[in-house]
Protein backbone atom coordinates (compact mmCIF):
# COMPACT_ATOMS: atom_id res chain seq x y z
CA MET A 1 -33.71 153.96 -159.31
CA ASN A 2 -34.34 153.48 -155.60
CA GLU A 3 -33.40 150.32 -153.72
CA LYS A 4 -36.92 148.88 -153.85
CA GLU A 5 -37.18 149.35 -157.62
CA LEU A 6 -33.69 147.95 -158.05
CA ASN A 7 -34.56 144.80 -156.11
CA GLU A 8 -37.81 144.32 -158.03
CA VAL A 9 -36.23 144.67 -161.48
CA SER A 10 -33.06 142.69 -160.71
CA ASN A 11 -35.15 139.91 -159.15
CA HIS A 12 -37.07 139.73 -162.44
CA PHE A 13 -33.97 138.26 -164.10
CA LYS A 14 -32.95 134.77 -162.99
CA ASN A 15 -29.56 134.90 -164.73
CA ILE A 16 -28.41 138.47 -163.97
CA THR A 17 -26.92 139.36 -160.62
CA LYS A 18 -27.78 142.56 -158.78
CA THR A 19 -24.17 143.71 -159.20
CA GLU A 20 -24.38 143.23 -162.97
CA PHE A 21 -27.68 145.13 -163.12
CA LYS A 22 -26.18 148.02 -161.11
CA HIS A 23 -23.31 148.09 -163.60
CA ILE A 24 -25.78 148.47 -166.48
CA LEU A 25 -27.61 151.32 -164.69
CA ALA A 26 -24.32 153.09 -163.97
CA GLU A 27 -23.27 152.88 -167.63
CA LEU A 28 -26.66 154.15 -168.81
CA LYS A 29 -26.35 157.12 -166.44
CA GLU A 30 -22.84 157.81 -167.73
CA MET A 31 -24.21 157.85 -171.29
CA GLN A 32 -27.06 160.13 -170.17
CA ILE A 33 -29.68 157.53 -171.11
CA ASP A 34 -32.73 157.54 -168.84
CA TYR A 35 -33.22 154.01 -167.53
CA LYS A 36 -36.97 154.72 -167.38
CA ALA A 37 -37.01 154.71 -171.19
CA ILE A 38 -36.14 151.01 -171.10
CA ASP A 39 -38.86 148.49 -170.32
CA PHE A 40 -36.71 145.89 -168.55
CA TYR A 41 -39.77 143.73 -167.88
CA ALA A 42 -40.18 143.31 -171.64
CA PHE A 43 -37.09 141.08 -171.61
CA GLY A 44 -37.69 137.46 -170.63
CA ASP A 45 -36.82 136.48 -167.08
CA ASP A 46 -34.27 133.98 -168.46
CA CYS A 47 -32.41 136.74 -170.31
CA ASN A 48 -28.75 136.78 -169.28
CA TYR A 49 -26.30 139.68 -169.01
CA GLU A 50 -24.92 139.48 -172.55
CA MET A 51 -28.39 139.24 -174.08
CA LEU A 52 -29.65 142.25 -172.12
CA VAL A 53 -26.62 144.35 -173.04
CA GLN A 54 -26.96 143.34 -176.68
CA ASN A 55 -30.62 144.42 -176.71
CA ILE A 56 -29.73 147.78 -175.20
CA PHE A 57 -26.99 148.18 -177.80
CA VAL A 58 -29.38 147.45 -180.66
CA GLU A 59 -32.00 149.85 -179.31
CA TYR A 60 -29.75 152.83 -178.60
CA GLY A 61 -26.74 152.24 -180.84
CA VAL A 62 -24.34 152.45 -177.90
CA GLU A 63 -22.39 149.75 -176.13
CA VAL A 64 -22.70 149.06 -172.43
CA PRO A 65 -19.29 147.56 -171.57
CA PHE A 66 -19.20 144.06 -170.13
CA PRO A 67 -17.89 143.90 -166.55
CA ASP A 68 -14.63 142.33 -167.75
CA LYS A 69 -13.88 145.48 -169.76
CA THR A 70 -13.84 147.62 -166.62
CA GLN A 71 -11.60 147.34 -163.57
CA THR A 72 -13.84 146.74 -160.57
CA GLU A 73 -12.97 145.76 -157.04
CA SER A 74 -14.39 142.27 -157.50
CA GLN A 75 -12.30 141.78 -160.65
CA THR A 76 -9.14 142.86 -158.86
CA GLU A 77 -9.86 140.20 -156.25
CA SER A 78 -10.50 137.67 -159.01
CA GLN A 79 -7.19 138.48 -160.71
CA ASN A 80 -5.35 137.99 -157.43
CA HIS A 81 -7.27 134.73 -157.04
CA SER A 82 -6.20 133.55 -160.51
CA GLU A 83 -2.50 133.89 -159.70
CA LYS A 84 -2.81 130.89 -157.37
CA ILE A 85 -3.51 127.25 -158.14
CA TYR A 86 -6.26 125.85 -155.95
CA LYS A 87 -6.04 122.16 -155.15
CA ASN A 88 -9.39 121.72 -153.43
CA ASP A 89 -10.58 119.39 -156.21
CA MET A 90 -14.25 119.83 -157.18
CA ALA A 91 -16.46 119.73 -154.07
CA TRP A 92 -17.16 123.46 -154.43
CA TRP A 93 -18.93 122.76 -157.74
CA ASP A 94 -21.87 121.46 -155.69
CA SER A 95 -22.90 125.05 -154.99
CA ILE A 96 -22.15 126.22 -158.53
CA ILE A 97 -24.35 123.70 -160.33
CA LYS A 98 -27.38 124.72 -158.29
CA ASP A 99 -27.84 127.95 -160.24
CA ILE A 100 -26.36 127.31 -163.69
CA LYS A 101 -27.91 125.59 -166.69
CA SER A 102 -24.91 125.13 -168.98
CA VAL A 103 -21.16 124.47 -168.83
CA ALA A 104 -18.66 124.65 -171.70
CA VAL A 105 -15.45 122.61 -171.34
CA VAL A 106 -12.92 123.75 -173.94
CA GLY A 107 -9.39 122.55 -174.68
CA ASP A 108 -7.12 120.90 -177.20
CA THR A 109 -7.32 117.17 -177.84
CA GLY A 110 -5.57 115.14 -175.13
CA THR A 111 -5.70 117.85 -172.47
CA GLY A 112 -8.06 116.03 -170.08
CA LYS A 113 -11.45 117.42 -171.14
CA THR A 114 -13.08 114.00 -170.99
CA ALA A 115 -11.75 113.20 -167.51
CA PHE A 116 -12.91 116.58 -166.26
CA CYS A 117 -16.40 116.01 -167.66
CA TYR A 118 -16.68 112.68 -165.85
CA ARG A 119 -15.67 114.37 -162.59
CA LEU A 120 -18.30 117.05 -163.25
CA LEU A 121 -20.93 114.36 -163.82
CA GLU A 122 -20.00 112.95 -160.40
CA ARG A 123 -20.96 116.28 -158.84
CA TYR A 124 -24.26 116.31 -160.76
CA ARG A 125 -24.97 112.74 -159.62
CA LYS A 126 -25.44 114.12 -156.09
CA THR A 127 -28.42 116.15 -157.32
CA LYS A 128 -30.30 112.87 -158.01
CA LYS A 129 -31.04 114.01 -161.57
CA ASP A 130 -30.98 111.53 -164.45
CA ILE A 131 -27.71 111.87 -166.37
CA TYR A 132 -27.53 111.30 -170.12
CA VAL A 133 -24.52 111.08 -172.44
CA TYR A 134 -25.22 111.83 -176.08
CA LYS A 135 -24.23 109.09 -178.56
CA HIS A 136 -21.40 107.49 -176.58
CA PRO A 137 -19.63 104.77 -178.66
CA LYS A 138 -19.49 102.34 -175.72
CA PRO A 139 -22.88 102.41 -173.98
CA LYS A 140 -22.02 99.63 -171.53
CA ILE A 141 -19.28 101.58 -169.75
CA ILE A 142 -21.65 104.53 -169.44
CA GLU A 143 -24.50 102.43 -168.08
CA LYS A 144 -22.09 100.83 -165.61
CA LEU A 145 -21.76 104.28 -164.00
CA GLY A 146 -25.52 104.66 -163.77
CA TYR A 147 -25.74 107.07 -166.72
CA LYS A 148 -28.03 106.73 -169.73
CA ILE A 149 -27.45 107.07 -173.47
CA LEU A 150 -29.24 109.74 -175.46
CA HIS A 151 -29.48 108.33 -178.98
CA SER A 152 -31.17 111.27 -180.72
CA LEU A 153 -31.82 114.96 -180.15
CA GLU A 154 -35.50 114.19 -180.59
CA GLU A 155 -35.36 112.44 -177.21
CA PHE A 156 -34.20 115.72 -175.69
CA ALA A 157 -37.72 117.13 -175.99
CA THR A 158 -38.98 114.52 -173.52
CA LEU A 159 -36.36 115.26 -170.83
CA GLN A 160 -37.00 117.35 -167.76
CA ASN A 161 -34.93 118.02 -164.65
CA ALA A 162 -31.96 116.10 -166.08
CA VAL A 163 -28.30 116.47 -167.10
CA VAL A 164 -27.01 115.96 -170.66
CA TRP A 165 -23.35 115.79 -171.73
CA ILE A 166 -22.51 116.29 -175.43
CA ASP A 167 -18.87 115.63 -176.33
CA GLU A 168 -17.47 117.34 -179.47
CA PRO A 169 -20.85 118.74 -180.65
CA GLN A 170 -19.24 119.98 -183.88
CA LEU A 171 -18.95 116.31 -184.87
CA VAL A 172 -22.09 114.68 -183.49
CA LEU A 173 -24.49 117.49 -184.44
CA ARG A 174 -23.28 117.97 -187.99
CA TYR A 175 -26.26 116.08 -189.38
CA TYR A 176 -28.76 118.55 -187.91
CA SER A 177 -27.51 121.61 -189.82
CA ASN A 178 -24.59 122.84 -191.87
CA ASN A 179 -22.42 123.43 -188.82
CA GLY A 180 -24.54 122.24 -185.89
CA ASN A 181 -24.60 125.72 -184.36
CA PRO A 182 -28.33 126.46 -184.86
CA ALA A 183 -29.22 123.08 -183.39
CA LEU A 184 -27.03 123.73 -180.38
CA ALA A 185 -28.56 127.17 -179.86
CA ARG A 186 -32.01 125.58 -179.80
CA LEU A 187 -30.78 122.94 -177.34
CA LEU A 188 -29.42 125.57 -174.96
CA SER A 189 -32.70 127.46 -175.08
CA LEU A 190 -34.78 124.31 -174.59
CA ALA A 191 -32.53 123.19 -171.71
CA ARG A 192 -33.33 126.36 -169.76
CA GLN A 193 -37.04 125.90 -170.29
CA ARG A 194 -37.03 122.27 -169.14
CA ASN A 195 -34.54 122.58 -166.27
CA VAL A 196 -31.94 120.48 -168.07
CA ALA A 197 -28.25 121.09 -167.34
CA LEU A 198 -26.25 120.93 -170.58
CA ILE A 199 -22.50 120.13 -170.57
CA LEU A 200 -20.64 120.76 -173.83
CA SER A 201 -17.00 119.75 -174.37
CA THR A 202 -15.13 120.69 -177.53
CA SER A 203 -11.64 121.06 -178.95
CA VAL A 204 -12.83 123.60 -181.53
CA THR A 205 -13.26 126.99 -179.88
CA GLN A 206 -14.43 128.57 -183.15
CA TYR A 207 -17.54 126.39 -182.98
CA ILE A 208 -18.89 128.38 -180.04
CA SER A 209 -20.27 131.51 -181.69
CA ARG A 210 -21.10 134.78 -179.98
CA LEU A 211 -24.74 133.72 -179.95
CA LEU A 212 -23.86 130.51 -178.10
CA GLU A 213 -21.49 132.29 -175.71
CA GLY A 214 -24.38 134.39 -174.42
CA GLN A 215 -26.24 131.23 -173.39
CA ILE A 216 -23.36 129.51 -171.57
CA ASP A 217 -23.28 130.09 -167.81
CA ALA A 218 -19.92 128.60 -166.79
CA TRP A 219 -16.63 127.85 -168.53
CA SER A 220 -13.87 125.35 -167.79
CA ILE A 221 -10.84 125.99 -169.97
CA LYS A 222 -8.26 123.24 -170.41
CA ASP A 223 -4.90 123.75 -172.10
CA LEU A 224 -5.10 125.19 -175.63
CA ASP A 225 -3.19 127.37 -178.07
CA TYR A 226 -4.20 130.97 -177.38
CA ASP A 227 -3.61 131.93 -181.02
CA THR A 228 -6.19 129.40 -182.25
CA ALA A 229 -8.97 130.82 -180.06
CA LYS A 230 -11.35 133.09 -181.92
CA GLN A 231 -10.65 136.83 -181.69
CA GLY A 232 -12.92 138.50 -179.14
CA SER A 233 -14.16 135.17 -177.83
CA ARG A 234 -14.92 134.44 -174.18
CA VAL A 235 -12.17 131.80 -174.22
CA ARG A 236 -9.50 134.36 -175.17
CA LYS A 237 -10.74 136.77 -172.49
CA ILE A 238 -10.58 134.09 -169.81
CA ILE A 239 -7.04 133.06 -170.77
CA LYS A 240 -5.86 136.68 -170.99
CA ARG A 241 -7.33 137.42 -167.56
CA ASN A 242 -5.51 134.45 -166.02
CA ALA A 243 -2.17 134.89 -167.80
CA LEU A 244 0.35 136.68 -165.59
CA PHE A 245 2.43 138.08 -168.45
CA ASP A 246 1.98 136.66 -171.95
CA PRO A 247 -1.25 134.89 -173.04
CA ASP A 248 0.59 133.38 -176.03
CA ALA A 249 2.86 131.48 -173.65
CA PHE A 250 0.04 130.37 -171.37
CA LYS A 251 0.18 126.68 -170.44
CA LEU A 252 -1.90 124.35 -168.26
CA LYS A 253 -1.04 120.90 -166.95
CA PRO A 254 -3.46 117.99 -167.68
CA GLU A 255 -4.82 118.18 -164.13
CA GLU A 256 -5.42 121.96 -164.30
CA TYR A 257 -8.26 124.07 -165.66
CA LEU A 258 -9.49 127.65 -165.57
CA PHE A 259 -12.95 128.39 -164.19
CA TYR A 260 -15.12 131.36 -165.12
CA CYS A 261 -18.75 132.14 -164.31
CA ARG A 262 -20.48 135.52 -164.27
CA LYS A 263 -22.48 134.58 -161.19
CA HIS A 264 -19.40 133.47 -159.28
CA TYR A 265 -16.67 136.02 -159.99
CA ASP A 266 -15.09 135.22 -156.64
CA LYS A 267 -14.47 131.63 -157.76
CA GLN A 268 -12.76 132.33 -161.07
CA GLY A 269 -9.15 131.19 -161.36
CA ARG A 270 -6.93 128.16 -161.88
CA TYR A 271 -7.82 124.85 -160.23
CA GLU A 272 -6.63 121.28 -160.09
CA PHE A 273 -8.77 118.14 -160.21
CA SER A 274 -8.02 114.45 -159.84
CA LEU A 275 -8.91 111.64 -162.23
CA PRO A 276 -11.99 109.52 -161.49
CA LYS A 277 -11.10 106.44 -159.45
CA TYR A 278 -12.39 104.14 -162.20
CA TRP A 279 -10.38 105.89 -164.94
CA SER A 280 -9.03 103.77 -167.82
CA ASP A 281 -8.38 103.94 -171.57
CA GLU A 282 -11.96 102.84 -172.16
CA TYR A 283 -13.13 106.16 -170.79
CA SER A 284 -10.29 108.40 -171.97
CA LYS A 285 -10.24 106.92 -175.49
CA PRO A 286 -13.82 105.73 -176.07
CA TYR A 287 -13.44 105.33 -179.83
CA MET A 288 -10.43 103.01 -179.50
CA GLY A 289 -11.40 99.59 -180.83
CA VAL A 290 -14.77 100.82 -182.12
CA LYS A 291 -15.43 99.87 -185.75
């Protein structure tokens, strides 16, 4: 594939970088599969890397390895990056949120997921988009920050160019299906179509299936027990990549988190963030005192 063809096809995909597309072509060549036999334009322009690879796998019965299964120069730089703790807080997220549609914040209970999500909402506030929090138990403290309450998923269909935060979806979406997963998959798909940024925070890593992983653009991992993370999950891969020696002994402080995003390999690593200036038990323990 010449450079012109490469640019045309890679530009077709909004969520796949040119580097990732080159990696796919290189693997196809290695497997002696003619790339011309694949109609890349048949895949939707919102198809991401995992989805494209999965489709190729289904079609040809062979696996195109994900970039994190191969040792590339950019990954070596990322691994060196992850050995440091960056204390530049969260201003750099301003550039990240411009080209992502979803963020998963994962960690055990009491590890600072909620505080991190509020700091992330502060970065989204600068985009001038309306910000919604799904079913918060204390609407007044949310509205005081200028955010709105989303009472039902049915309201989601009317949103456009907005931001929605869903905390512990395995609990609040349980009424929509047996495990909430199908509903969440539909939400992620709808969010992309309507230019809605979706933030999901959960203490149950098993809730995020392989199907959902393929639709999540960025990950922020708080402290959690490596053994409890699902085998083969993105969460385990991120922790393993950032652990210097033993993933089982990996530990993060409340103010630390791991960042991973396919589009921003150079940014992956361990970071610190500070609590919101208005922080109190009302925000950190919203269900306290709620009957």
